[in-house]
């Protein structure tokens, strides 16, 4: 089984485990959890730790609904202090380097007319992922674990109604392998297709390091529109390149998770996974 396929298998297992952790609460033991998963405790612990980087017990703390509030206290980033503009550095998706450029406003207004977009389905650490890209880079990524594959495909397709879409996963594969950490080296180009205000918001999101979070109001301040918090929230929700443009790292000031286009269970899983991976990296240093 290839590593991408293993990631998909692991997430299917982890998704069930996360549901059981939610239902069982902090009193749930490793033995009980493993028994409900029909696995031995040792095998389940190995499988879970390989995916999350920490034990199931430690992951429970990151998955807790109050963890978002703790992140705002302990791992909050103002966009001015986020290191290296968030585009490289330790903890950011295995040190991958994101190179990006944006479509001009005039090109965006034409709804993708004259643009060829290649697409394909891939396994990811968070379930089936639909990835789309032009010759310039990845322009779309959506997760189907909650929304379903048909709706995820329809959603991304509707972003650029006049583009030509061609199924070609092999064209995208090198970028996807680097993006999901299977290939440890390699540049991941991103081609941002959006309105000018949206692109400002997405640029700000890319400055938030992995394992850290910021708030919608902080993003509004950083882009020079402090009163446009609601518009920022809308732009965050319209981010077409999930994970790489990390909209999951934007939270409400209250510590609430806010929304997530591909489903709040996926947002919780990504935030917990990133926090756990960051902790594992810090312990290893």
Protein backbone atom coordinates (compact mmCIF):
# COMPACT_ATOMS: atom_id res chain seq x y z
CA UNK A 1 0.00 0.00 0.00
CA UNK A 2 1.46 3.41 -1.00
CA UNK A 3 1.86 6.12 1.61
CA UNK A 4 -1.00 8.22 0.24
CA UNK A 5 -3.29 5.19 0.41
CA UNK A 6 -2.08 4.48 3.95
CA UNK A 7 -2.94 8.06 4.95
CA UNK A 8 -6.47 7.54 3.68
CA UNK A 9 -6.80 4.23 5.53
CA UNK A 10 -5.43 5.79 8.72
CA UNK A 11 -7.91 8.65 8.56
CA UNK A 12 -10.84 6.27 8.14
CA UNK A 13 -9.66 4.51 11.30
CA UNK A 14 -8.98 7.79 13.09
CA UNK A 15 -12.34 9.27 12.14
CA UNK A 16 -14.05 6.40 13.92
CA UNK A 17 -11.67 6.75 16.87
CA UNK A 18 -12.37 10.48 17.12
CA UNK A 19 -16.12 9.79 17.25
CA UNK A 20 -15.54 7.30 20.09
CA UNK A 21 -13.26 9.75 21.94
CA UNK A 22 -15.97 12.42 21.67
CA UNK A 23 -18.61 10.02 22.97
CA UNK A 24 -16.46 8.53 25.74
CA UNK A 25 -14.87 11.72 27.05
CA UNK A 26 -11.67 11.92 29.10
CA UNK A 27 -12.54 8.79 31.10
CA UNK A 28 -12.19 6.57 28.02
CA UNK A 29 -9.16 4.30 28.43
CA UNK A 30 -6.85 3.08 25.70
CA UNK A 31 -8.04 -0.48 26.33
CA UNK A 32 -11.71 0.49 25.98
CA UNK A 33 -11.02 2.53 22.86
CA UNK A 34 -9.00 -0.26 21.24
CA UNK A 35 -11.68 -2.83 22.09
CA UNK A 36 -14.36 -0.69 20.43
CA UNK A 37 -12.09 -0.44 17.37
CA UNK A 38 -11.67 -4.26 17.33
CA UNK A 39 -7.89 -3.93 17.72
CA UNK A 40 -5.35 -4.82 20.34
CA UNK A 41 -4.26 -1.85 22.49
CA UNK A 42 -0.66 -2.10 21.22
CA UNK A 43 -1.65 -2.18 17.54
CA UNK A 44 -4.15 0.65 17.92
CA UNK A 45 -1.62 2.80 19.81
CA UNK A 46 0.99 2.27 17.07
CA UNK A 47 -1.48 3.07 14.31
CA UNK A 48 -2.83 6.15 16.05
CA UNK A 49 0.60 7.50 16.99
CA UNK A 50 1.81 7.08 13.42
CA UNK A 51 -1.04 9.28 12.19
CA UNK A 52 -1.17 11.85 15.00
CA UNK A 53 2.44 11.86 16.24
CA UNK A 54 1.25 11.42 19.84
CA UNK A 55 -0.65 8.83 21.86
CA UNK A 56 -4.47 8.60 21.76
CA UNK A 57 -4.60 9.89 25.35
CA UNK A 58 -2.59 13.01 24.48
CA UNK A 59 -4.63 13.56 21.33
CA UNK A 60 -7.81 13.61 23.43
CA UNK A 61 -6.59 16.87 24.97
CA UNK A 62 -6.07 18.48 21.56
CA UNK A 63 -9.46 17.28 20.37
CA UNK A 64 -11.35 18.71 23.35
CA UNK A 65 -13.85 21.37 22.39
CA UNK A 66 -12.13 23.84 24.72
CA UNK A 67 -8.79 23.38 23.00
CA UNK A 68 -9.45 26.16 20.49
CA UNK A 69 -9.62 28.63 23.38
CA UNK A 70 -6.33 27.28 24.74
CA UNK A 71 -4.73 27.66 21.31
CA UNK A 72 -5.71 31.35 21.24
CA UNK A 73 -3.81 31.78 24.51
CA UNK A 74 -0.79 29.55 23.93
CA UNK A 75 -0.34 29.43 20.14
CA UNK A 76 -1.80 32.72 18.97
CA UNK A 77 0.07 34.46 16.13
CA UNK A 78 -0.24 38.06 15.15
CA UNK A 79 0.41 38.12 11.44
CA UNK A 80 3.25 40.62 11.88
CA UNK A 81 5.18 38.24 14.14
CA UNK A 82 4.50 34.98 12.28
CA UNK A 83 7.92 33.70 11.29
CA UNK A 84 9.21 33.73 7.73
CA UNK A 85 5.86 35.01 6.41
CA UNK A 86 4.44 31.57 7.10
CA UNK A 87 5.76 30.24 3.81
CA UNK A 88 8.59 28.10 5.17
CA UNK A 89 10.14 26.98 8.43
CA UNK A 90 9.87 24.21 10.96
CA UNK A 91 6.50 22.63 11.48
CA UNK A 92 4.90 23.87 8.25
CA UNK A 93 3.93 20.69 6.43
CA UNK A 94 7.38 19.11 6.60
CA UNK A 95 9.20 22.34 5.65
CA UNK A 96 7.58 22.49 2.23
CA UNK A 97 7.94 25.78 0.44
CA UNK A 98 4.85 27.36 -1.01
CA UNK A 99 5.36 29.52 -4.08
CA UNK A 100 2.27 31.39 -5.12
CA UNK A 101 0.94 33.87 -7.60
CA UNK A 102 -2.53 35.29 -8.13
CA UNK A 103 -4.76 35.62 -11.16
CA UNK A 104 -5.36 39.25 -12.14
CA UNK A 105 -8.76 40.76 -11.21
CA UNK A 106 -9.69 40.93 -14.90
CA UNK A 107 -8.90 37.25 -15.42
CA UNK A 108 -10.90 36.32 -12.32
CA UNK A 109 -13.88 38.34 -13.53
CA UNK A 110 -14.01 36.15 -16.63
CA UNK A 111 -14.83 33.11 -14.47
CA UNK A 112 -11.81 31.11 -15.60
CA UNK A 113 -12.51 31.53 -19.31
CA UNK A 114 -9.54 30.28 -21.34
CA UNK A 115 -8.12 28.45 -18.31
CA UNK A 116 -7.39 24.70 -18.32
CA UNK A 117 -7.76 23.12 -14.87
CA UNK A 118 -6.56 19.57 -14.22
CA UNK A 119 -8.13 17.57 -11.40
CA UNK A 120 -7.83 14.29 -9.56
CA UNK A 121 -8.79 12.48 -6.36
CA UNK A 122 -6.12 11.61 -3.79
CA UNK A 123 -5.97 10.14 -0.32
CA UNK A 124 -4.83 12.53 2.40
CA UNK A 125 -4.32 12.56 6.17
CA UNK A 126 -7.91 13.84 6.38
CA UNK A 127 -9.72 11.55 3.96
CA UNK A 128 -10.40 11.80 0.22
CA UNK A 129 -9.08 15.06 -1.21
CA UNK A 130 -10.04 16.61 -4.54
CA UNK A 131 -7.08 18.55 -5.94
CA UNK A 132 -7.24 20.91 -8.91
CA UNK A 133 -4.44 22.82 -10.60
CA UNK A 134 -3.39 24.79 -13.64
CA UNK A 135 0.03 24.76 -15.27
CA UNK A 136 0.99 27.44 -12.71
CA UNK A 137 0.09 25.46 -9.59
CA UNK A 138 -2.60 24.06 -7.31
CA UNK A 139 -5.73 26.21 -7.45
CA UNK A 140 -8.20 24.03 -5.55
CA UNK A 141 -8.25 21.48 -2.74
CA UNK A 142 -11.32 20.17 -0.95
CA UNK A 143 -11.96 17.38 1.55
CA UNK A 144 -14.86 14.99 1.02
CA UNK A 145 -15.00 13.14 4.36
CA UNK A 146 -18.04 15.14 5.49
CA UNK A 147 -19.37 16.78 2.31
CA UNK A 148 -19.15 13.70 0.07
CA UNK A 149 -17.27 13.38 -3.21
CA UNK A 150 -20.09 14.51 -5.50
CA UNK A 151 -20.77 17.73 -3.57
CA UNK A 152 -17.05 18.48 -3.16
CA UNK A 153 -16.53 18.11 -6.92
CA UNK A 154 -19.57 20.27 -7.73
CA UNK A 155 -18.42 22.93 -5.25
CA UNK A 156 -14.94 23.39 -6.69
CA UNK A 157 -16.16 23.15 -10.28
CA UNK A 158 -18.59 26.02 -9.66
CA UNK A 159 -15.78 28.39 -8.62
CA UNK A 160 -14.57 28.79 -12.22
CA UNK A 161 -17.60 28.05 -14.40
CA UNK A 162 -15.99 28.94 -17.74
CA UNK A 163 -12.77 26.96 -17.33
CA UNK A 164 -12.03 23.69 -19.14
CA UNK A 165 -11.65 20.81 -16.68
CA UNK A 166 -9.53 17.75 -17.51
CA UNK A 167 -9.09 14.73 -15.23
CA UNK A 168 -5.33 14.18 -14.94
CA UNK A 169 -4.15 13.12 -11.45
CA UNK A 170 -0.66 12.26 -12.71
CA UNK A 171 -0.09 15.90 -13.71
CA UNK A 172 -0.87 16.97 -10.14
CA UNK A 173 0.74 14.05 -8.31
CA UNK A 174 4.25 15.53 -7.65
CA UNK A 175 2.73 18.63 -6.04
CA UNK A 176 0.28 16.52 -4.03
CA UNK A 177 3.02 14.20 -2.73
CA UNK A 178 4.97 17.22 -1.48
CA UNK A 179 1.86 18.92 -0.06
CA UNK A 180 0.88 15.88 2.02
CA UNK A 181 4.42 15.21 3.21
CA UNK A 182 4.94 11.96 1.31
CA UNK A 183 7.73 13.51 -0.72
CA UNK A 184 9.91 15.38 1.73
CA UNK A 185 11.41 17.80 -0.76
CA UNK A 186 9.92 19.86 -3.53
CA UNK A 187 8.18 23.12 -4.11
CA UNK A 188 4.40 23.35 -4.05
CA UNK A 189 3.18 26.15 -6.32
CA UNK A 190 -0.24 27.67 -5.64
CA UNK A 191 -2.23 29.66 -8.18
CA UNK A 192 -4.75 31.86 -6.36
CA UNK A 193 -7.97 32.42 -8.28
CA UNK A 194 -10.16 34.90 -6.43
CA UNK A 195 -11.31 38.49 -6.05
CA UNK A 196 -8.69 41.01 -4.82
CA UNK A 197 -10.12 41.21 -1.27
CA UNK A 198 -10.24 37.42 -0.99
CA UNK A 199 -6.63 37.14 -2.12
CA UNK A 200 -5.54 39.63 0.57
CA UNK A 201 -7.22 37.43 3.19
CA UNK A 202 -5.70 34.25 1.78
CA UNK A 203 -2.23 35.81 1.75
CA UNK A 204 -2.69 36.63 5.45
CA UNK A 205 -3.73 33.05 6.21
CA UNK A 206 -0.50 31.77 4.68
CA UNK A 207 1.48 33.67 7.32
CA UNK A 208 0.07 31.56 10.19
CA UNK A 209 2.55 28.80 11.15
CA UNK A 210 1.43 25.20 11.54
CA UNK A 211 0.17 24.43 15.04
CA UNK A 212 -0.74 28.09 15.64
CA UNK A 213 -3.98 30.03 15.17
CA UNK A 214 -5.19 33.57 14.71
CA UNK A 215 -8.56 35.32 14.83
CA UNK A 216 -10.80 36.73 12.12
CA UNK A 217 -10.42 40.20 13.66
CA UNK A 218 -6.62 39.90 13.62
CA UNK A 219 -6.74 39.10 9.89
CA UNK A 220 -9.00 42.10 9.29
CA UNK A 221 -6.49 44.35 11.12
CA UNK A 222 -3.54 42.89 9.21
CA UNK A 223 -5.05 43.60 5.79
CA UNK A 224 -5.99 47.16 6.72
CA UNK A 225 -9.75 46.58 7.04
CA UNK A 226 -10.35 46.32 10.82
CA UNK A 227 -14.13 46.74 10.50
CA UNK A 228 -14.51 44.08 7.83
CA UNK A 229 -14.48 41.06 10.17
CA UNK A 230 -17.63 39.58 8.63
CA UNK A 231 -16.26 40.00 5.10
CA UNK A 232 -13.00 38.39 6.23
CA UNK A 233 -14.98 35.43 7.57
CA UNK A 234 -16.72 35.06 4.21
CA UNK A 235 -13.39 35.19 2.34
CA UNK A 236 -11.89 32.61 4.71
CA UNK A 237 -14.84 30.33 3.98
CA UNK A 238 -14.36 30.75 0.22
CA UNK A 239 -10.70 29.72 0.32
CA UNK A 240 -10.39 27.23 -2.56
CA UNK A 241 -7.09 25.65 -1.45
CA UNK A 242 -7.73 24.01 1.90
CA UNK A 243 -4.82 23.05 4.15
CA UNK A 244 -2.18 24.85 2.05
CA UNK A 245 -4.00 28.14 2.58
CA UNK A 246 -4.80 27.28 6.21
CA UNK A 247 -8.30 28.66 6.78
CA UNK A 248 -8.68 26.08 9.58
CA UNK A 249 -6.28 28.23 11.67
CA UNK A 250 -8.72 31.16 11.82
CA UNK A 251 -10.87 31.15 14.98
CA UNK A 252 -13.37 33.41 16.66
CA UNK A 253 -12.00 35.73 19.36
CA UNK A 254 -14.14 33.87 21.90
CA UNK A 255 -12.27 30.65 21.20
CA UNK A 256 -15.10 29.21 19.12
CA UNK A 257 -14.09 27.23 16.07
CA UNK A 258 -16.16 29.32 13.69
CA UNK A 259 -17.17 27.64 10.46
CA UNK A 260 -15.32 25.38 8.07
CA UNK A 261 -16.37 24.85 4.49
CA UNK A 262 -15.57 21.12 4.50
CA UNK A 263 -17.17 20.36 7.88
CA UNK A 264 -16.26 21.19 11.48
CA UNK A 265 -15.18 17.58 12.29
CA UNK A 266 -12.47 17.96 9.62
CA UNK A 267 -11.40 21.35 11.05
CA UNK A 268 -11.13 19.89 14.54
CA UNK A 269 -9.13 16.93 13.26
CA UNK A 270 -6.71 19.16 11.31
CA UNK A 271 -6.15 21.55 14.24
CA UNK A 272 -5.57 18.68 16.67
CA UNK A 273 -3.30 16.86 14.19
CA UNK A 274 -1.18 19.98 13.63
CA UNK A 275 -0.91 20.75 17.35
CA UNK A 276 0.11 17.16 18.06
CA UNK A 277 2.70 17.16 15.27
CA UNK A 278 4.16 20.44 16.54
CA UNK A 279 4.48 19.01 20.03
CA UNK A 280 6.19 15.88 18.68
CA UNK A 281 8.66 18.06 16.73
CA UNK A 282 9.42 20.21 19.78
CA UNK A 283 10.04 17.14 21.94
CA UNK A 284 12.39 15.73 19.29
CA UNK A 285 14.52 18.93 19.21
